[in-house]
């Protein structure tokens, strides 16, 4: 087996499935970890995986994190950076 890690941007937001085993992880809302702070989900149609991005109010969400003493500010920073 080979291991390949690609961001949605690197594959043009689409991936055609073949006979190989694949794992697709879009991350959680607002934390895709690929430098794009928008939330991400996929649509699977037959053998085609399409990644979709959705804008949301990142600044509002980060502000709520900063206002919560139990949470470290780096979590809000990470949301803004998408990392």
PDB file of N, CA and C in Angstrom:
ATOM      1  N   UNK A   1       0.835  -1.178   0.000  1.00  0.00           N
ATOM      2  CA  UNK A   1       0.000   0.000   0.000  1.00  0.00           C
ATOM      3  C   UNK A   1       0.878   1.239   0.000  1.00  0.00           C
ATOM      4  N   UNK A   2       0.410   2.270  -0.648  1.00  0.00           N
ATOM      5  CA  UNK A   2       1.131   3.535  -0.614  1.00  0.00           C
ATOM      6  C   UNK A   2       0.294   4.549   0.157  1.00  0.00           C
ATOM      7  N   UNK A   3       0.972   5.531   0.700  1.00  0.00           N
ATOM      8  CA  UNK A   3       0.298   6.579   1.450  1.00  0.00           C
ATOM      9  C   UNK A   3       0.462   7.893   0.708  1.00  0.00           C
ATOM     10  N   UNK A   4      -0.630   8.520   0.367  1.00  0.00           N
ATOM     11  CA  UNK A   4      -0.615   9.823  -0.284  1.00  0.00           C
ATOM     12  C   UNK A   4      -1.571  10.738   0.460  1.00  0.00           C
ATOM     13  N   UNK A   5      -1.089  11.909   0.798  1.00  0.00           N
ATOM     14  CA  UNK A   5      -1.910  12.891   1.485  1.00  0.00           C
ATOM     15  C   UNK A   5      -2.030  14.111   0.586  1.00  0.00           C
ATOM     16  N   UNK A   6      -3.252  14.490   0.250  1.00  0.00           N
ATOM     17  CA  UNK A   6      -3.482  15.631  -0.637  1.00  0.00           C
ATOM     18  C   UNK A   6      -4.590  16.502  -0.067  1.00  0.00           C
ATOM     19  N   UNK A   7      -4.423  17.808  -0.208  1.00  0.00           N
ATOM     20  CA  UNK A   7      -5.496  18.721   0.183  1.00  0.00           C
ATOM     21  C   UNK A   7      -6.495  18.811  -0.971  1.00  0.00           C
ATOM     22  N   UNK A   8      -7.725  19.240  -0.691  1.00  0.00           N
ATOM     23  CA  UNK A   8      -8.696  19.388  -1.779  1.00  0.00           C
ATOM     24  C   UNK A   8      -8.179  20.286  -2.902  1.00  0.00           C
ATOM     25  N   UNK A   9      -7.477  21.351  -2.536  1.00  0.00           N
ATOM     26  CA  UNK A   9      -6.935  22.275  -3.537  1.00  0.00           C
ATOM     27  C   UNK A   9      -5.929  21.579  -4.455  1.00  0.00           C
ATOM     28  N   UNK A  10      -5.124  20.702  -3.893  1.00  0.00           N
ATOM     29  CA  UNK A  10      -4.088  20.009  -4.675  1.00  0.00           C
ATOM     30  C   UNK A  10      -4.670  19.060  -5.723  1.00  0.00           C
ATOM     31  N   UNK A  11      -5.890  18.589  -5.495  1.00  0.00           N
ATOM     32  CA  UNK A  11      -6.493  17.645  -6.448  1.00  0.00           C
ATOM     33  C   UNK A  11      -7.645  18.274  -7.234  1.00  0.00           C
ATOM     34  N   UNK A  12      -7.733  19.603  -7.203  1.00  0.00           N
ATOM     35  CA  UNK A  12      -8.785  20.288  -7.955  1.00  0.00           C
ATOM     36  C   UNK A  12     -10.177  20.075  -7.392  1.00  0.00           C
ATOM     37  N   UNK A  13     -10.261  19.780  -6.106  1.00  0.00           N
ATOM     38  CA  UNK A  13     -11.525  19.587  -5.390  1.00  0.00           C
ATOM     39  C   UNK A  13     -12.329  18.382  -5.865  1.00  0.00           C
ATOM     40  N   UNK A  14     -11.705  17.507  -6.658  1.00  0.00           N
ATOM     41  CA  UNK A  14     -12.386  16.275  -7.069  1.00  0.00           C
ATOM     42  C   UNK A  14     -11.400  15.120  -7.069  1.00  0.00           C
ATOM     43  N   UNK A  15     -11.931  13.931  -6.782  1.00  0.00           N
ATOM     44  CA  UNK A  15     -11.108  12.720  -6.787  1.00  0.00           C
ATOM     45  C   UNK A  15     -11.959  11.579  -7.325  1.00  0.00           C
ATOM     46  N   UNK A  16     -11.472  10.921  -8.343  1.00  0.00           N
ATOM     47  CA  UNK A  16     -12.197   9.785  -8.911  1.00  0.00           C
ATOM     48  C   UNK A  16     -11.707   8.509  -8.229  1.00  0.00           C
ATOM     49  N   UNK A  17     -12.634   7.755  -7.671  1.00  0.00           N
ATOM     50  CA  UNK A  17     -12.303   6.515  -6.984  1.00  0.00           C
ATOM     51  C   UNK A  17     -11.987   5.417  -7.990  1.00  0.00           C
ATOM     52  N   UNK A  18     -10.988   4.613  -7.663  1.00  0.00           N
ATOM     53  CA  UNK A  18     -10.649   3.449  -8.471  1.00  0.00           C
ATOM     54  C   UNK A  18     -10.876   2.199  -7.647  1.00  0.00           C
ATOM     55  N   UNK A  19     -10.037   1.200  -7.846  1.00  0.00           N
ATOM     56  CA  UNK A  19     -10.163  -0.054  -7.106  1.00  0.00           C
ATOM     57  C   UNK A  19      -9.418  -0.038  -5.778  1.00  0.00           C
ATOM     58  N   UNK A  20      -8.597   0.995  -5.567  1.00  0.00           N
ATOM     59  CA  UNK A  20      -7.798   1.043  -4.347  1.00  0.00           C
ATOM     60  C   UNK A  20      -8.654   1.459  -3.147  1.00  0.00           C
ATOM     61  N   UNK A  21      -8.143   1.161  -1.972  1.00  0.00           N
ATOM     62  CA  UNK A  21      -8.793   1.567  -0.739  1.00  0.00           C
ATOM     63  C   UNK A  21      -8.390   3.014  -0.457  1.00  0.00           C
ATOM     64  N   UNK A  22      -9.350   3.846  -0.118  1.00  0.00           N
ATOM     65  CA  UNK A  22      -9.047   5.243   0.193  1.00  0.00           C
ATOM     66  C   UNK A  22      -9.708   5.634   1.506  1.00  0.00           C
ATOM     67  N   UNK A  23      -9.114   6.600   2.160  1.00  0.00           N
ATOM     68  CA  UNK A  23      -9.704   7.206   3.343  1.00  0.00           C
ATOM     69  C   UNK A  23      -9.774   8.699   3.073  1.00  0.00           C
ATOM     70  N   UNK A  24     -10.930   9.273   3.250  1.00  0.00           N
ATOM     71  CA  UNK A  24     -11.114  10.697   3.009  1.00  0.00           C
ATOM     72  C   UNK A  24     -11.498  11.344   4.330  1.00  0.00           C
ATOM     73  N   UNK A  25     -10.702  12.317   4.742  1.00  0.00           N
ATOM     74  CA  UNK A  25     -10.953  13.028   5.989  1.00  0.00           C
ATOM     75  C   UNK A  25     -11.074  14.506   5.663  1.00  0.00           C
ATOM     76  N   UNK A  26     -12.261  15.056   5.798  1.00  0.00           N
ATOM     77  CA  UNK A  26     -12.458  16.471   5.499  1.00  0.00           C
ATOM     78  C   UNK A  26     -12.242  17.345   6.728  1.00  0.00           C
ATOM     79  N   UNK A  27     -11.910  16.728   7.849  1.00  0.00           N
ATOM     80  CA  UNK A  27     -11.729  17.495   9.077  1.00  0.00           C
ATOM     81  C   UNK A  27     -13.081  17.807   9.693  1.00  0.00           C
ATOM     82  N   UNK A  28     -13.061  18.625  10.723  1.00  0.00           N
ATOM     83  CA  UNK A  28     -14.322  19.037  11.327  1.00  0.00           C
ATOM     84  C   UNK A  28     -14.621  20.463  10.884  1.00  0.00           C
ATOM     85  N   UNK A  29     -15.823  20.898  11.111  1.00  0.00           N
ATOM     86  CA  UNK A  29     -16.227  22.224  10.643  1.00  0.00           C
ATOM     87  C   UNK A  29     -15.243  23.265  11.150  1.00  0.00           C
ATOM     88  N   UNK A  30     -14.679  24.002  10.210  1.00  0.00           N
ATOM     89  CA  UNK A  30     -13.761  25.074  10.554  1.00  0.00           C
ATOM     90  C   UNK A  30     -12.348  24.647  10.844  1.00  0.00           C
ATOM     91  N   UNK A  31     -12.041  23.369  10.783  1.00  0.00           N
ATOM     92  CA  UNK A  31     -10.681  22.937  11.081  1.00  0.00           C
ATOM     93  C   UNK A  31     -10.183  21.906  10.075  1.00  0.00           C
ATOM     94  N   UNK A  32     -10.241  22.219   8.777  1.00  0.00           N
ATOM     95  CA  UNK A  32      -9.773  21.256   7.782  1.00  0.00           C
ATOM     96  C   UNK A  32      -8.264  21.028   7.790  1.00  0.00           C
ATOM     97  N   UNK A  33      -7.488  21.949   8.375  1.00  0.00           N
ATOM     98  CA  UNK A  33      -6.030  21.802   8.491  1.00  0.00           C
ATOM     99  C   UNK A  33      -5.291  21.905   7.163  1.00  0.00           C
ATOM    100  N   UNK A  34      -5.883  22.568   6.182  1.00  0.00           N
ATOM    101  CA  UNK A  34      -5.175  22.720   4.908  1.00  0.00           C
ATOM    102  C   UNK A  34      -4.974  24.183   4.530  1.00  0.00           C
ATOM    103  N   UNK A  35      -5.121  25.079   5.495  1.00  0.00           N
ATOM    104  CA  UNK A  35      -4.900  26.492   5.247  1.00  0.00           C
ATOM    105  C   UNK A  35      -6.133  27.240   4.770  1.00  0.00           C
ATOM    106  N   UNK A  36      -7.246  26.554   4.607  1.00  0.00           N
ATOM    107  CA  UNK A  36      -8.498  27.176   4.176  1.00  0.00           C
ATOM    108  C   UNK A  36      -9.458  27.124   5.360  1.00  0.00           C
ATOM    109  N   UNK A  37      -9.794  28.277   5.969  1.00  0.00           N
ATOM    110  CA  UNK A  37     -10.606  28.258   7.184  1.00  0.00           C
ATOM    111  C   UNK A  37     -12.078  27.923   6.970  1.00  0.00           C
ATOM    112  N   UNK A  38     -12.537  27.848   5.726  1.00  0.00           N
ATOM    113  CA  UNK A  38     -13.942  27.504   5.490  1.00  0.00           C
ATOM    114  C   UNK A  38     -14.205  26.055   5.892  1.00  0.00           C
ATOM    115  N   UNK A  39     -15.446  25.773   6.248  1.00  0.00           N
ATOM    116  CA  UNK A  39     -15.782  24.378   6.544  1.00  0.00           C
ATOM    117  C   UNK A  39     -15.779  23.589   5.239  1.00  0.00           C
ATOM    118  N   UNK A  40     -15.641  22.276   5.362  1.00  0.00           N
ATOM    119  CA  UNK A  40     -15.511  21.427   4.181  1.00  0.00           C
ATOM    120  C   UNK A  40     -16.358  20.172   4.361  1.00  0.00           C
ATOM    121  N   UNK A  41     -16.980  19.753   3.283  1.00  0.00           N
ATOM    122  CA  UNK A  41     -17.685  18.470   3.258  1.00  0.00           C
ATOM    123  C   UNK A  41     -17.505  17.873   1.875  1.00  0.00           C
ATOM    124  N   UNK A  42     -17.904  16.624   1.714  1.00  0.00           N
ATOM    125  CA  UNK A  42     -17.783  15.984   0.403  1.00  0.00           C
ATOM    126  C   UNK A  42     -19.148  15.527  -0.087  1.00  0.00           C
ATOM    127  N   UNK A  43     -19.244  15.418  -1.399  1.00  0.00           N
ATOM    128  CA  UNK A  43     -20.397  14.801  -2.053  1.00  0.00           C
ATOM    129  C   UNK A  43     -19.846  13.595  -2.809  1.00  0.00           C
ATOM    130  N   UNK A  44     -20.422  12.426  -2.560  1.00  0.00           N
ATOM    131  CA  UNK A  44     -20.005  11.200  -3.232  1.00  0.00           C
ATOM    132  C   UNK A  44     -21.087  10.807  -4.226  1.00  0.00           C
ATOM    133  N   UNK A  45     -20.744  10.843  -5.502  1.00  0.00           N
ATOM    134  CA  UNK A  45     -21.661  10.440  -6.565  1.00  0.00           C
ATOM    135  C   UNK A  45     -20.973   9.356  -7.378  1.00  0.00           C
ATOM    136  N   UNK A  46     -21.509   8.141  -7.285  1.00  0.00           N
ATOM    137  CA  UNK A  46     -20.910   6.984  -7.947  1.00  0.00           C
ATOM    138  C   UNK A  46     -19.444   6.872  -7.536  1.00  0.00           C
ATOM    139  N   UNK A  47     -18.513   7.101  -8.468  1.00  0.00           N
ATOM    140  CA  UNK A  47     -17.091   6.968  -8.127  1.00  0.00           C
ATOM    141  C   UNK A  47     -16.381   8.318  -8.066  1.00  0.00           C
ATOM    142  N   UNK A  48     -17.144   9.419  -7.954  1.00  0.00           N
ATOM    143  CA  UNK A  48     -16.544  10.750  -7.928  1.00  0.00           C
ATOM    144  C   UNK A  48     -16.776  11.413  -6.581  1.00  0.00           C
ATOM    145  N   UNK A  49     -15.684  11.806  -5.934  1.00  0.00           N
ATOM    146  CA  UNK A  49     -15.729  12.539  -4.677  1.00  0.00           C
ATOM    147  C   UNK A  49     -15.500  14.008  -5.000  1.00  0.00           C
ATOM    148  N   UNK A  50     -16.426  14.868  -4.595  1.00  0.00           N
ATOM    149  CA  UNK A  50     -16.280  16.307  -4.812  1.00  0.00           C
ATOM    150  C   UNK A  50     -16.264  17.005  -3.458  1.00  0.00           C
ATOM    151  N   UNK A  51     -15.226  17.801  -3.231  1.00  0.00           N
ATOM    152  CA  UNK A  51     -15.095  18.570  -2.000  1.00  0.00           C
ATOM    153  C   UNK A  51     -15.823  19.899  -2.173  1.00  0.00           C
ATOM    154  N   UNK A  52     -16.598  20.277  -1.177  1.00  0.00           N
ATOM    155  CA  UNK A  52     -17.313  21.552  -1.200  1.00  0.00           C
ATOM    156  C   UNK A  52     -16.877  22.362   0.015  1.00  0.00           C
ATOM    157  N   UNK A  53     -16.766  23.655  -0.169  1.00  0.00           N
ATOM    158  CA  UNK A  53     -16.395  24.579   0.908  1.00  0.00           C
ATOM    159  C   UNK A  53     -17.578  25.486   1.211  1.00  0.00           C
ATOM    160  N   UNK A  54     -17.719  25.832   2.482  1.00  0.00           N
ATOM    161  CA  UNK A  54     -18.802  26.688   2.935  1.00  0.00           C
ATOM    162  C   UNK A  54     -18.218  27.768   3.835  1.00  0.00           C
ATOM    163  N   UNK A  55     -18.523  29.023   3.507  1.00  0.00           N
ATOM    164  CA  UNK A  55     -18.098  30.125   4.367  1.00  0.00           C
ATOM    165  C   UNK A  55     -18.923  30.127   5.646  1.00  0.00           C
ATOM    166  N   UNK A  56     -18.305  30.518   6.718  1.00  0.00           N
ATOM    167  CA  UNK A  56     -19.019  30.770   7.965  1.00  0.00           C
ATOM    168  C   UNK A  56     -18.273  31.885   8.676  1.00  0.00           C
ATOM    169  N   UNK A  57     -18.864  32.446   9.708  1.00  0.00           N
ATOM    170  CA  UNK A  57     -18.271  33.588  10.387  1.00  0.00           C
ATOM    171  C   UNK A  57     -17.138  33.126  11.308  1.00  0.00           C
ATOM    172  N   UNK A  58     -15.953  33.016  10.735  1.00  0.00           N
ATOM    173  CA  UNK A  58     -14.781  32.546  11.480  1.00  0.00           C
ATOM    174  C   UNK A  58     -14.442  33.520  12.601  1.00  0.00           C
ATOM    175  N   UNK A  59     -14.509  34.820  12.322  1.00  0.00           N
ATOM    176  CA  UNK A  59     -14.151  35.819  13.338  1.00  0.00           C
ATOM    177  C   UNK A  59     -15.074  35.741  14.546  1.00  0.00           C
ATOM    178  N   UNK A  60     -16.359  35.547  14.308  1.00  0.00           N
ATOM    179  CA  UNK A  60     -17.317  35.425  15.403  1.00  0.00           C
ATOM    180  C   UNK A  60     -17.013  34.193  16.254  1.00  0.00           C
ATOM    181  N   UNK A  61     -16.719  33.100  15.590  1.00  0.00           N
ATOM    182  CA  UNK A  61     -16.400  31.858  16.298  1.00  0.00           C
ATOM    183  C   UNK A  61     -15.100  32.002  17.083  1.00  0.00           C
ATOM    184  N   UNK A  62     -14.083  32.606  16.463  1.00  0.00           N
ATOM    185  CA  UNK A  62     -12.802  32.816  17.157  1.00  0.00           C
ATOM    186  C   UNK A  62     -13.005  33.720  18.372  1.00  0.00           C
ATOM    187  N   UNK A  63     -13.823  34.770  18.232  1.00  0.00           N
ATOM    188  CA  UNK A  63     -14.071  35.671  19.348  1.00  0.00           C
ATOM    189  C   UNK A  63     -14.690  34.924  20.529  1.00  0.00           C
ATOM    190  N   UNK A  64     -15.591  33.995  20.245  1.00  0.00           N
ATOM    191  CA  UNK A  64     -16.198  33.203  21.319  1.00  0.00           C
ATOM    192  C   UNK A  64     -15.145  32.352  22.026  1.00  0.00           C
ATOM    193  N   UNK A  65     -14.190  31.857  21.270  1.00  0.00           N
ATOM    194  CA  UNK A  65     -13.096  31.084  21.878  1.00  0.00           C
ATOM    195  C   UNK A  65     -12.259  31.987  22.767  1.00  0.00           C
ATOM    196  N   UNK A  66     -11.892  33.180  22.251  1.00  0.00           N
ATOM    197  CA  UNK A  66     -11.080  34.119  23.035  1.00  0.00           C
ATOM    198  C   UNK A  66     -11.796  34.537  24.319  1.00  0.00           C
ATOM    199  N   UNK A  67     -13.124  34.603  24.272  1.00  0.00           N
ATOM    200  CA  UNK A  67     -13.913  35.020  25.436  1.00  0.00           C
ATOM    201  C   UNK A  67     -14.153  33.897  26.442  1.00  0.00           C
ATOM    202  N   UNK A  68     -13.710  32.700  26.137  1.00  0.00           N
ATOM    203  CA  UNK A  68     -13.894  31.559  27.038  1.00  0.00           C
ATOM    204  C   UNK A  68     -12.575  31.275  27.749  1.00  0.00           C
ATOM    205  N   UNK A  69     -12.474  31.622  29.032  1.00  0.00           N
ATOM    206  CA  UNK A  69     -11.197  31.491  29.751  1.00  0.00           C
ATOM    207  C   UNK A  69     -10.620  30.072  29.748  1.00  0.00           C
ATOM    208  N   UNK A  70     -11.475  29.059  29.676  1.00  0.00           N
ATOM    209  CA  UNK A  70     -10.998  27.676  29.721  1.00  0.00           C
ATOM    210  C   UNK A  70     -10.339  27.233  28.414  1.00  0.00           C
ATOM    211  N   UNK A  71     -10.484  28.025  27.359  1.00  0.00           N
ATOM    212  CA  UNK A  71      -9.908  27.661  26.060  1.00  0.00           C
ATOM    213  C   UNK A  71      -8.690  28.524  25.752  1.00  0.00           C
ATOM    214  N   UNK A  72      -7.661  27.901  25.228  1.00  0.00           N
ATOM    215  CA  UNK A  72      -6.443  28.614  24.851  1.00  0.00           C
ATOM    216  C   UNK A  72      -6.698  29.435  23.585  1.00  0.00           C
ATOM    217  N   UNK A  73      -6.150  30.644  23.534  1.00  0.00           N
ATOM    218  CA  UNK A  73      -6.345  31.519  22.374  1.00  0.00           C
ATOM    219  C   UNK A  73      -5.820  30.923  21.073  1.00  0.00           C
ATOM    220  N   UNK A  74      -4.859  30.012  21.164  1.00  0.00           N
ATOM    221  CA  UNK A  74      -4.322  29.435  19.933  1.00  0.00           C
ATOM    222  C   UNK A  74      -5.413  28.696  19.149  1.00  0.00           C
ATOM    223  N   UNK A  75      -6.464  28.240  19.837  1.00  0.00           N
ATOM    224  CA  UNK A  75      -7.565  27.560  19.145  1.00  0.00           C
ATOM    225  C   UNK A  75      -8.307  28.523  18.218  1.00  0.00           C
ATOM    226  N   UNK A  76      -8.510  29.756  18.670  1.00  0.00           N
ATOM    227  CA  UNK A  76      -9.127  30.764  17.817  1.00  0.00           C
ATOM    228  C   UNK A  76      -8.217  31.158  16.666  1.00  0.00           C
ATOM    229  N   UNK A  77      -6.921  31.278  16.965  1.00  0.00           N
ATOM    230  CA  UNK A  77      -5.947  31.605  15.916  1.00  0.00           C
ATOM    231  C   UNK A  77      -5.941  30.517  14.847  1.00  0.00           C
ATOM    232  N   UNK A  78      -5.983  29.275  15.294  1.00  0.00           N
ATOM    233  CA  UNK A  78      -5.940  28.140  14.371  1.00  0.00           C
ATOM    234  C   UNK A  78      -7.166  28.123  13.456  1.00  0.00           C
ATOM    235  N   UNK A  79      -8.323  28.508  13.987  1.00  0.00           N
ATOM    236  CA  UNK A  79      -9.523  28.589  13.144  1.00  0.00           C
ATOM    237  C   UNK A  79      -9.317  29.573  12.005  1.00  0.00           C
ATOM    238  N   UNK A  80      -8.782  30.734  12.340  1.00  0.00           N
ATOM    239  CA  UNK A  80      -8.573  31.779  11.319  1.00  0.00           C
ATOM    240  C   UNK A  80      -7.577  31.332  10.252  1.00  0.00           C
ATOM    241  N   UNK A  81      -6.585  30.566  10.663  1.00  0.00           N
ATOM    242  CA  UNK A  81      -5.546  30.113   9.727  1.00  0.00           C
ATOM    243  C   UNK A  81      -5.951  28.853   8.965  1.00  0.00           C
ATOM    244  N   UNK A  82      -6.957  28.139   9.456  1.00  0.00           N
ATOM    245  CA  UNK A  82      -7.351  26.870   8.834  1.00  0.00           C
ATOM    246  C   UNK A  82      -6.300  25.791   9.036  1.00  0.00           C
ATOM    247  N   UNK A  83      -5.599  25.840  10.161  1.00  0.00           N
ATOM    248  CA  UNK A  83      -4.543  24.865  10.447  1.00  0.00           C
ATOM    249  C   UNK A  83      -4.707  24.247  11.810  1.00  0.00           C
TER     250      UNK A  83
END
